[in-house]
Amino acid sequence: MRLFTVLITTSLSLFLACQEPASSNVPPAPGGDSATAAALSARIPAKPDSTVLEGEWYLQPVLPSDTAAGKTPVVKFDLKHARFTGNTGCNNMNGKFWFSANDSSLSFSEKLITTKMACTGYNEKAFIKSLLLTTHYRLSNGILTFMAEDNSALSHWARKPATAGAKTEKA
């Protein structure tokens, strides 16, 4: 029953994420002046690219226990050095990972380094196990999904935290 609830919640979250209307970062230039449009676009910060693995991703919580420690887990990929940093939702973490953009393979080194703070109510062991079970990823509509060998979704990540109420820990 719990698996069914998780699957329904995940599916609903993905469906709702896909329903977000597209918007332009650059307002139309008055009178069609391209210099004005360029000046306006220079003032508007660019959105992080959600079509590449590089950069910072925030867990999209499915269960209340995903943020029980008061933080949203975050992972930041450095593709050039094949390293990641982040937060488990309780402790800071870092380590190595392997990936291929050709076949979307992704795996995390078992030599994961974390701080050792205690966080009651948070199952950090399950979070780390989920990372280590990752064999590949999928990027679709700005959502990064860590996938297991059997193609089941392990977790969903986005460029921004899902809720404003949970604190995030930048890596």
N, C-alpha and C. Protein backbone atom coordinates (compact mmCIF):
# COMPACT_ATOMS: atom_id res chain seq x y z
N MET A 1 0.83 -1.19 0.00
CA MET A 1 0.00 0.00 0.00
C MET A 1 0.88 1.26 0.00
N ARG A 2 1.98 1.21 0.79
CA ARG A 2 2.86 2.37 0.87
C ARG A 2 3.52 2.62 -0.50
N LEU A 3 3.94 1.55 -1.18
CA LEU A 3 4.54 1.68 -2.49
C LEU A 3 3.55 2.31 -3.47
N PHE A 4 2.29 1.88 -3.40
CA PHE A 4 1.25 2.43 -4.25
C PHE A 4 1.09 3.93 -4.00
N THR A 5 1.07 4.35 -2.73
CA THR A 5 0.93 5.75 -2.38
C THR A 5 2.12 6.56 -2.92
N VAL A 6 3.33 6.01 -2.78
CA VAL A 6 4.52 6.70 -3.27
C VAL A 6 4.46 6.84 -4.78
N LEU A 7 4.06 5.78 -5.48
CA LEU A 7 3.97 5.84 -6.94
C LEU A 7 2.94 6.85 -7.40
N ILE A 8 1.78 6.88 -6.75
CA ILE A 8 0.74 7.84 -7.11
C ILE A 8 1.21 9.26 -6.86
N THR A 9 1.83 9.50 -5.70
CA THR A 9 2.31 10.83 -5.36
C THR A 9 3.38 11.30 -6.34
N THR A 10 4.29 10.40 -6.68
CA THR A 10 5.35 10.74 -7.64
C THR A 10 4.76 11.05 -9.01
N SER A 11 3.84 10.23 -9.46
CA SER A 11 3.21 10.45 -10.76
C SER A 11 2.47 11.78 -10.80
N LEU A 12 1.73 12.06 -9.73
CA LEU A 12 0.99 13.32 -9.65
C LEU A 12 1.95 14.50 -9.66
N SER A 13 3.06 14.40 -8.93
CA SER A 13 4.05 15.48 -8.89
C SER A 13 4.62 15.74 -10.27
N LEU A 14 4.97 14.66 -10.99
CA LEU A 14 5.52 14.83 -12.33
C LEU A 14 4.48 15.43 -13.27
N PHE A 15 3.23 14.99 -13.17
CA PHE A 15 2.17 15.52 -14.02
C PHE A 15 2.00 17.01 -13.77
N LEU A 16 1.96 17.41 -12.50
CA LEU A 16 1.77 18.82 -12.18
C LEU A 16 2.97 19.65 -12.62
N ALA A 17 4.18 19.09 -12.51
CA ALA A 17 5.37 19.81 -12.93
C ALA A 17 5.33 20.07 -14.44
N CYS A 18 4.74 19.15 -15.17
CA CYS A 18 4.67 19.30 -16.63
C CYS A 18 3.62 20.32 -17.04
N GLN A 19 2.73 20.70 -16.13
CA GLN A 19 1.64 21.62 -16.46
C GLN A 19 2.02 23.08 -16.29
N GLU A 20 3.24 23.36 -15.81
CA GLU A 20 3.66 24.74 -15.60
C GLU A 20 3.73 25.47 -16.93
N PRO A 21 3.06 26.62 -17.04
CA PRO A 21 3.07 27.34 -18.32
C PRO A 21 4.47 27.86 -18.64
N ALA A 22 4.79 27.86 -19.92
CA ALA A 22 6.08 28.39 -20.36
C ALA A 22 6.03 29.91 -20.25
N SER A 23 7.14 30.48 -19.84
CA SER A 23 7.20 31.94 -19.75
C SER A 23 8.54 32.40 -20.29
N SER A 24 8.56 33.62 -20.76
CA SER A 24 9.78 34.18 -21.30
C SER A 24 10.43 35.05 -20.26
N ASN A 25 11.74 34.98 -20.15
CA ASN A 25 12.47 35.83 -19.22
C ASN A 25 12.62 37.25 -19.72
N VAL A 26 12.46 37.47 -21.02
CA VAL A 26 12.69 38.79 -21.60
C VAL A 26 11.37 39.41 -22.01
N PRO A 27 11.00 40.53 -21.37
CA PRO A 27 9.77 41.20 -21.78
C PRO A 27 9.94 41.78 -23.17
N PRO A 28 8.82 41.92 -23.92
CA PRO A 28 8.94 42.47 -25.27
C PRO A 28 9.49 43.88 -25.23
N ALA A 29 10.35 44.18 -26.18
CA ALA A 29 10.95 45.51 -26.24
C ALA A 29 9.94 46.51 -26.77
N PRO A 30 9.79 47.66 -26.09
CA PRO A 30 8.88 48.68 -26.59
C PRO A 30 9.36 49.18 -27.95
N GLY A 31 8.47 49.19 -28.93
CA GLY A 31 8.83 49.67 -30.26
C GLY A 31 9.76 48.74 -31.01
N GLY A 32 10.02 47.54 -30.48
CA GLY A 32 10.85 46.56 -31.17
C GLY A 32 12.33 46.90 -31.19
N ASP A 33 12.81 47.73 -30.28
CA ASP A 33 14.21 48.14 -30.23
C ASP A 33 15.06 46.99 -29.69
N SER A 34 15.94 46.43 -30.52
CA SER A 34 16.74 45.29 -30.10
C SER A 34 17.76 45.68 -29.03
N ALA A 35 18.23 46.92 -29.02
CA ALA A 35 19.17 47.37 -27.99
C ALA A 35 18.48 47.38 -26.62
N THR A 36 17.22 47.80 -26.59
CA THR A 36 16.47 47.79 -25.34
C THR A 36 16.25 46.36 -24.86
N ALA A 37 15.92 45.47 -25.77
CA ALA A 37 15.71 44.07 -25.41
C ALA A 37 16.99 43.46 -24.85
N ALA A 38 18.13 43.78 -25.45
CA ALA A 38 19.41 43.27 -24.97
C ALA A 38 19.72 43.81 -23.58
N ALA A 39 19.43 45.09 -23.36
CA ALA A 39 19.67 45.69 -22.05
C ALA A 39 18.78 45.06 -20.99
N LEU A 40 17.51 44.81 -21.32
CA LEU A 40 16.60 44.18 -20.37
C LEU A 40 17.04 42.75 -20.06
N SER A 41 17.45 42.00 -21.06
CA SER A 41 17.84 40.61 -20.82
C SER A 41 19.12 40.54 -20.02
N ALA A 42 19.98 41.54 -20.10
CA ALA A 42 21.21 41.55 -19.32
C ALA A 42 20.93 41.71 -17.84
N ARG A 43 19.80 42.35 -17.50
CA ARG A 43 19.45 42.56 -16.10
C ARG A 43 18.72 41.38 -15.48
N ILE A 44 18.17 40.51 -16.30
CA ILE A 44 17.40 39.39 -15.79
C ILE A 44 18.33 38.19 -15.66
N PRO A 45 18.49 37.64 -14.42
CA PRO A 45 19.41 36.51 -14.26
C PRO A 45 18.93 35.30 -15.06
N ALA A 46 19.87 34.60 -15.65
CA ALA A 46 19.54 33.42 -16.45
C ALA A 46 19.12 32.28 -15.54
N LYS A 47 18.14 31.49 -15.99
CA LYS A 47 17.74 30.29 -15.25
C LYS A 47 18.82 29.24 -15.41
N PRO A 48 19.07 28.45 -14.35
CA PRO A 48 20.02 27.36 -14.53
C PRO A 48 19.50 26.39 -15.59
N ASP A 49 20.41 25.84 -16.36
CA ASP A 49 20.04 24.92 -17.43
C ASP A 49 19.56 23.60 -16.82
N SER A 50 18.35 23.21 -17.13
CA SER A 50 17.81 21.97 -16.58
C SER A 50 17.89 20.83 -17.58
N THR A 51 18.67 21.01 -18.64
CA THR A 51 18.82 19.95 -19.63
C THR A 51 20.18 19.25 -19.52
N VAL A 52 21.00 19.68 -18.57
CA VAL A 52 22.30 19.06 -18.36
C VAL A 52 22.45 18.68 -16.88
N LEU A 53 23.27 17.69 -16.64
CA LEU A 53 23.48 17.19 -15.28
C LEU A 53 24.24 18.18 -14.41
N GLU A 54 25.17 18.91 -14.99
CA GLU A 54 26.03 19.86 -14.25
C GLU A 54 25.21 20.79 -13.37
N GLY A 55 25.71 21.06 -12.17
CA GLY A 55 25.09 22.05 -11.31
C GLY A 55 24.32 21.48 -10.14
N GLU A 56 23.49 22.33 -9.57
CA GLU A 56 22.80 22.04 -8.32
C GLU A 56 21.38 21.55 -8.56
N TRP A 57 21.01 20.48 -7.85
CA TRP A 57 19.69 19.87 -7.94
C TRP A 57 19.13 19.64 -6.54
N TYR A 58 17.84 19.92 -6.36
CA TYR A 58 17.16 19.75 -5.07
C TYR A 58 16.17 18.58 -5.15
N LEU A 59 16.19 17.75 -4.11
CA LEU A 59 15.26 16.63 -4.05
C LEU A 59 13.82 17.14 -4.03
N GLN A 60 12.97 16.48 -4.79
CA GLN A 60 11.54 16.76 -4.76
C GLN A 60 10.93 15.76 -3.78
N PRO A 61 10.67 16.18 -2.53
CA PRO A 61 10.22 15.25 -1.49
C PRO A 61 8.91 14.56 -1.86
N VAL A 62 8.82 13.28 -1.50
CA VAL A 62 7.61 12.50 -1.72
C VAL A 62 6.95 12.22 -0.38
N LEU A 63 7.75 11.92 0.62
CA LEU A 63 7.25 11.60 1.96
C LEU A 63 7.65 12.69 2.95
N PRO A 64 6.88 12.91 4.00
CA PRO A 64 7.28 13.90 5.01
C PRO A 64 8.66 13.61 5.60
N SER A 65 9.03 12.34 5.66
CA SER A 65 10.33 11.97 6.23
C SER A 65 11.49 12.42 5.34
N ASP A 66 11.23 12.75 4.07
CA ASP A 66 12.30 13.20 3.17
C ASP A 66 12.93 14.50 3.64
N THR A 67 12.19 15.30 4.40
CA THR A 67 12.71 16.56 4.92
C THR A 67 12.53 16.65 6.43
N ALA A 68 12.51 15.49 7.09
CA ALA A 68 12.25 15.44 8.54
C ALA A 68 13.28 16.22 9.36
N ALA A 69 14.50 16.36 8.85
CA ALA A 69 15.53 17.08 9.58
C ALA A 69 15.45 18.59 9.34
N GLY A 70 14.48 19.03 8.53
CA GLY A 70 14.29 20.46 8.30
C GLY A 70 15.04 21.02 7.11
N LYS A 71 15.72 20.16 6.35
CA LYS A 71 16.46 20.60 5.16
C LYS A 71 16.03 19.78 3.97
N THR A 72 16.09 20.39 2.81
CA THR A 72 15.84 19.66 1.57
C THR A 72 17.18 19.15 1.06
N PRO A 73 17.28 17.84 0.81
CA PRO A 73 18.53 17.32 0.25
C PRO A 73 18.88 18.01 -1.07
N VAL A 74 20.18 18.23 -1.27
CA VAL A 74 20.67 18.88 -2.48
C VAL A 74 21.93 18.16 -2.94
N VAL A 75 22.10 18.08 -4.25
CA VAL A 75 23.32 17.51 -4.82
C VAL A 75 23.80 18.44 -5.92
N LYS A 76 25.10 18.69 -5.93
CA LYS A 76 25.71 19.57 -6.94
C LYS A 76 26.77 18.77 -7.68
N PHE A 77 26.59 18.63 -9.00
CA PHE A 77 27.51 17.86 -9.83
C PHE A 77 28.56 18.76 -10.46
N ASP A 78 29.82 18.35 -10.35
CA ASP A 78 30.93 18.99 -11.04
C ASP A 78 31.42 17.98 -12.08
N LEU A 79 30.93 18.12 -13.31
CA LEU A 79 31.23 17.15 -14.36
C LEU A 79 32.72 17.12 -14.73
N LYS A 80 33.35 18.28 -14.71
CA LYS A 80 34.76 18.36 -15.10
C LYS A 80 35.64 17.49 -14.20
N HIS A 81 35.34 17.48 -12.91
CA HIS A 81 36.16 16.72 -11.95
C HIS A 81 35.49 15.43 -11.50
N ALA A 82 34.29 15.14 -12.02
CA ALA A 82 33.52 13.93 -11.66
C ALA A 82 33.36 13.81 -10.15
N ARG A 83 33.01 14.94 -9.52
CA ARG A 83 32.79 14.97 -8.08
C ARG A 83 31.42 15.60 -7.81
N PHE A 84 30.86 15.25 -6.66
CA PHE A 84 29.61 15.87 -6.25
C PHE A 84 29.74 16.30 -4.80
N THR A 85 28.98 17.32 -4.45
CA THR A 85 28.85 17.79 -3.08
C THR A 85 27.37 17.96 -2.81
N GLY A 86 27.01 18.16 -1.57
CA GLY A 86 25.61 18.40 -1.27
C GLY A 86 25.28 18.16 0.18
N ASN A 87 24.01 17.88 0.39
CA ASN A 87 23.49 17.65 1.72
C ASN A 87 22.47 16.52 1.64
N THR A 88 22.52 15.62 2.60
CA THR A 88 21.61 14.47 2.61
C THR A 88 20.23 14.83 3.14
N GLY A 89 20.08 16.04 3.64
CA GLY A 89 18.87 16.43 4.35
C GLY A 89 19.20 16.53 5.83
N CYS A 90 20.38 16.03 6.20
CA CYS A 90 20.87 16.08 7.57
C CYS A 90 22.35 16.47 7.57
N ASN A 91 23.16 15.70 6.86
CA ASN A 91 24.61 15.88 6.86
C ASN A 91 25.12 16.32 5.49
N ASN A 92 26.24 17.06 5.51
CA ASN A 92 26.91 17.40 4.27
C ASN A 92 27.54 16.13 3.70
N MET A 93 27.64 16.07 2.38
CA MET A 93 28.21 14.89 1.73
C MET A 93 29.04 15.32 0.54
N ASN A 94 29.99 14.46 0.16
CA ASN A 94 30.73 14.66 -1.08
C ASN A 94 31.35 13.34 -1.50
N GLY A 95 31.72 13.27 -2.76
CA GLY A 95 32.32 12.05 -3.27
C GLY A 95 32.48 12.12 -4.77
N LYS A 96 32.79 10.95 -5.35
CA LYS A 96 32.96 10.84 -6.79
C LYS A 96 31.74 10.19 -7.42
N PHE A 97 31.55 10.46 -8.70
CA PHE A 97 30.50 9.79 -9.45
C PHE A 97 31.00 9.54 -10.86
N TRP A 98 30.33 8.64 -11.56
CA TRP A 98 30.64 8.32 -12.94
C TRP A 98 29.37 8.52 -13.75
N PHE A 99 29.52 9.06 -14.96
CA PHE A 99 28.35 9.27 -15.80
C PHE A 99 28.75 9.23 -17.26
N SER A 100 27.76 9.03 -18.10
CA SER A 100 27.93 9.11 -19.54
C SER A 100 26.70 9.79 -20.12
N ALA A 101 26.92 10.89 -20.83
CA ALA A 101 25.80 11.57 -21.48
C ALA A 101 25.28 10.75 -22.66
N ASN A 102 26.11 9.85 -23.19
CA ASN A 102 25.71 9.04 -24.34
C ASN A 102 24.61 8.06 -24.00
N ASP A 103 24.74 7.37 -22.87
CA ASP A 103 23.73 6.37 -22.50
C ASP A 103 23.03 6.69 -21.18
N SER A 104 23.26 7.88 -20.64
CA SER A 104 22.64 8.34 -19.39
C SER A 104 22.99 7.48 -18.18
N SER A 105 24.14 6.81 -18.22
CA SER A 105 24.54 6.04 -17.04
C SER A 105 25.04 7.00 -15.97
N LEU A 106 24.81 6.65 -14.73
CA LEU A 106 25.21 7.46 -13.58
C LEU A 106 25.35 6.54 -12.39
N SER A 107 26.46 6.65 -11.69
CA SER A 107 26.62 5.90 -10.44
C SER A 107 27.48 6.71 -9.48
N PHE A 108 27.24 6.48 -8.21
CA PHE A 108 27.95 7.18 -7.15
C PHE A 108 28.95 6.23 -6.49
N SER A 109 30.11 6.74 -6.13
CA SER A 109 31.12 5.94 -5.45
C SER A 109 30.62 5.55 -4.06
N GLU A 110 30.92 4.34 -3.66
CA GLU A 110 30.57 3.90 -2.31
C GLU A 110 31.43 4.59 -1.26
N LYS A 111 32.50 5.23 -1.68
CA LYS A 111 33.38 5.96 -0.77
C LYS A 111 32.84 7.37 -0.56
N LEU A 112 31.58 7.44 -0.19
CA LEU A 112 30.86 8.68 0.06
C LEU A 112 31.30 9.23 1.42
N ILE A 113 31.60 10.50 1.49
CA ILE A 113 32.02 11.13 2.74
C ILE A 113 30.87 12.00 3.24
N THR A 114 30.51 11.82 4.52
CA THR A 114 29.46 12.65 5.12
C THR A 114 29.91 13.13 6.49
N THR A 115 29.34 14.25 6.92
CA THR A 115 29.51 14.65 8.31
C THR A 115 28.66 13.69 9.15
N LYS A 116 28.75 13.76 10.45
CA LYS A 116 28.10 12.75 11.30
C LYS A 116 27.14 13.35 12.33
N MET A 117 26.36 14.34 11.91
CA MET A 117 25.35 14.90 12.82
C MET A 117 24.19 13.91 12.96
N ALA A 118 23.59 13.88 14.13
CA ALA A 118 22.41 13.03 14.34
C ALA A 118 21.16 13.85 14.03
N CYS A 119 20.25 13.27 13.29
CA CYS A 119 19.00 13.94 12.95
C CYS A 119 17.85 12.98 13.21
N THR A 120 17.13 13.22 14.29
CA THR A 120 16.04 12.33 14.66
C THR A 120 14.91 12.42 13.63
N GLY A 121 14.33 11.27 13.34
CA GLY A 121 13.21 11.21 12.42
C GLY A 121 13.59 11.16 10.96
N TYR A 122 14.89 11.24 10.65
CA TYR A 122 15.34 11.23 9.26
C TYR A 122 16.09 9.95 8.97
N ASN A 123 15.73 9.26 7.91
CA ASN A 123 16.36 8.00 7.55
C ASN A 123 17.45 8.24 6.52
N GLU A 124 18.58 8.73 6.98
CA GLU A 124 19.70 9.04 6.09
C GLU A 124 20.25 7.78 5.42
N LYS A 125 20.20 6.68 6.13
CA LYS A 125 20.69 5.41 5.57
C LYS A 125 19.92 5.06 4.28
N ALA A 126 18.61 5.26 4.27
CA ALA A 126 17.79 4.98 3.09
C ALA A 126 18.12 5.96 1.97
N PHE A 127 18.38 7.22 2.30
CA PHE A 127 18.74 8.21 1.28
C PHE A 127 20.04 7.82 0.59
N ILE A 128 21.05 7.46 1.38
CA ILE A 128 22.35 7.08 0.82
C ILE A 128 22.22 5.79 0.01
N LYS A 129 21.43 4.84 0.50
CA LYS A 129 21.21 3.59 -0.25
C LYS A 129 20.61 3.90 -1.62
N SER A 130 19.67 4.84 -1.66
CA SER A 130 19.05 5.24 -2.92
C SER A 130 20.09 5.81 -3.88
N LEU A 131 21.00 6.64 -3.38
CA LEU A 131 22.07 7.16 -4.24
C LEU A 131 22.92 6.02 -4.80
N LEU A 132 23.28 5.09 -3.94
CA LEU A 132 24.17 4.00 -4.35
C LEU A 132 23.49 3.01 -5.29
N LEU A 133 22.16 2.95 -5.28
CA LEU A 133 21.42 2.08 -6.20
C LEU A 133 21.26 2.69 -7.59
N THR A 134 21.60 3.97 -7.73
CA THR A 134 21.45 4.66 -9.01
C THR A 134 22.38 4.07 -10.05
N THR A 135 21.83 3.72 -11.21
CA THR A 135 22.64 3.21 -12.33
C THR A 135 22.55 4.10 -13.56
N HIS A 136 21.51 4.92 -13.64
CA HIS A 136 21.37 5.85 -14.75
C HIS A 136 20.40 6.96 -14.36
N TYR A 137 20.29 7.94 -15.24
CA TYR A 137 19.42 9.08 -14.96
C TYR A 137 18.57 9.41 -16.18
N ARG A 138 17.54 10.20 -15.91
CA ARG A 138 16.68 10.70 -16.99
C ARG A 138 16.44 12.18 -16.72
N LEU A 139 16.55 13.00 -17.75
CA LEU A 139 16.24 14.43 -17.67
C LEU A 139 15.05 14.69 -18.56
N SER A 140 13.96 15.18 -17.96
CA SER A 140 12.75 15.45 -18.73
C SER A 140 12.00 16.60 -18.09
N ASN A 141 11.70 17.61 -18.89
CA ASN A 141 10.93 18.78 -18.42
C ASN A 141 11.53 19.42 -17.18
N GLY A 142 12.85 19.49 -17.12
CA GLY A 142 13.52 20.14 -16.00
C GLY A 142 13.60 19.29 -14.74
N ILE A 143 13.23 18.04 -14.82
CA ILE A 143 13.29 17.13 -13.66
C ILE A 143 14.36 16.08 -13.93
N LEU A 144 15.28 15.94 -12.99
CA LEU A 144 16.31 14.91 -13.03
C LEU A 144 15.81 13.74 -12.19
N THR A 145 15.78 12.56 -12.79
CA THR A 145 15.32 11.36 -12.08
C THR A 145 16.47 10.38 -12.00
N PHE A 146 16.80 9.96 -10.76
CA PHE A 146 17.78 8.90 -10.57
C PHE A 146 17.04 7.59 -10.75
N MET A 147 17.60 6.70 -11.58
CA MET A 147 16.94 5.45 -11.92
C MET A 147 17.78 4.26 -11.42
N ALA A 148 17.07 3.17 -11.07
CA ALA A 148 17.72 1.93 -10.66
C ALA A 148 17.93 1.05 -11.90
N GLU A 149 18.64 -0.04 -11.70
CA GLU A 149 18.94 -0.96 -12.80
C GLU A 149 17.68 -1.49 -13.48
N ASP A 150 16.59 -1.66 -12.71
CA ASP A 150 15.34 -2.18 -13.27
C ASP A 150 14.47 -1.07 -13.87
N ASN A 151 15.04 0.13 -14.06
CA ASN A 151 14.37 1.31 -14.62
C ASN A 151 13.32 1.92 -13.69
N SER A 152 13.31 1.54 -12.43
CA SER A 152 12.39 2.19 -11.49
C SER A 152 13.01 3.51 -11.04
N ALA A 153 12.15 4.50 -10.81
CA ALA A 153 12.59 5.81 -10.36
C ALA A 153 12.94 5.75 -8.88
N LEU A 154 14.14 6.21 -8.53
CA LEU A 154 14.56 6.23 -7.13
C LEU A 154 14.25 7.57 -6.47
N SER A 155 14.48 8.66 -7.20
CA SER A 155 14.21 10.00 -6.66
C SER A 155 14.13 10.99 -7.80
N HIS A 156 13.47 12.12 -7.51
CA HIS A 156 13.28 13.18 -8.50
C HIS A 156 13.90 14.46 -7.95
N TRP A 157 14.58 15.20 -8.82
CA TRP A 157 15.32 16.40 -8.44
C TRP A 157 14.98 17.54 -9.39
N ALA A 158 14.99 18.76 -8.87
CA ALA A 158 14.72 19.94 -9.69
C ALA A 158 15.75 21.02 -9.35
N ARG A 159 15.80 22.05 -10.18
CA ARG A 159 16.78 23.13 -9.97
C ARG A 159 16.44 24.03 -8.78
N LYS A 160 15.19 23.98 -8.33
CA LYS A 160 14.76 24.79 -7.19
C LYS A 160 14.11 23.88 -6.16
N PRO A 161 14.20 24.24 -4.87
CA PRO A 161 13.53 23.43 -3.85
C PRO A 161 12.02 23.37 -4.10
N ALA A 162 11.40 22.25 -3.73
CA ALA A 162 9.97 22.05 -3.95
C ALA A 162 9.12 22.90 -3.03
N THR A 163 9.57 23.11 -1.80
CA THR A 163 8.78 23.87 -0.83
C THR A 163 9.61 25.00 -0.25
N ALA A 164 8.94 26.10 0.02
CA ALA A 164 9.64 27.25 0.60
C ALA A 164 9.87 27.06 2.08
N GLY A 165 9.12 26.14 2.73
CA GLY A 165 9.22 25.96 4.17
C GLY A 165 10.45 25.22 4.62
N ALA A 166 11.02 24.38 3.79
CA ALA A 166 12.18 23.58 4.19
C ALA A 166 13.45 24.37 3.91
N LYS A 167 14.38 24.33 4.86
CA LYS A 167 15.66 24.97 4.67
C LYS A 167 16.50 24.12 3.73
N THR A 168 17.35 24.78 2.97
CA THR A 168 18.27 24.03 2.10
C THR A 168 19.67 24.30 2.56
N GLU A 169 20.53 23.38 2.31
CA GLU A 169 21.94 23.50 2.67
C GLU A 169 22.73 23.54 1.38
N LYS A 170 23.33 24.68 1.06
CA LYS A 170 24.13 24.78 -0.16
C LYS A 170 25.46 24.09 0.06
N ALA A 171 25.91 23.43 -0.99
CA ALA A 171 27.18 22.71 -0.92
C ALA A 171 28.33 23.64 -1.14
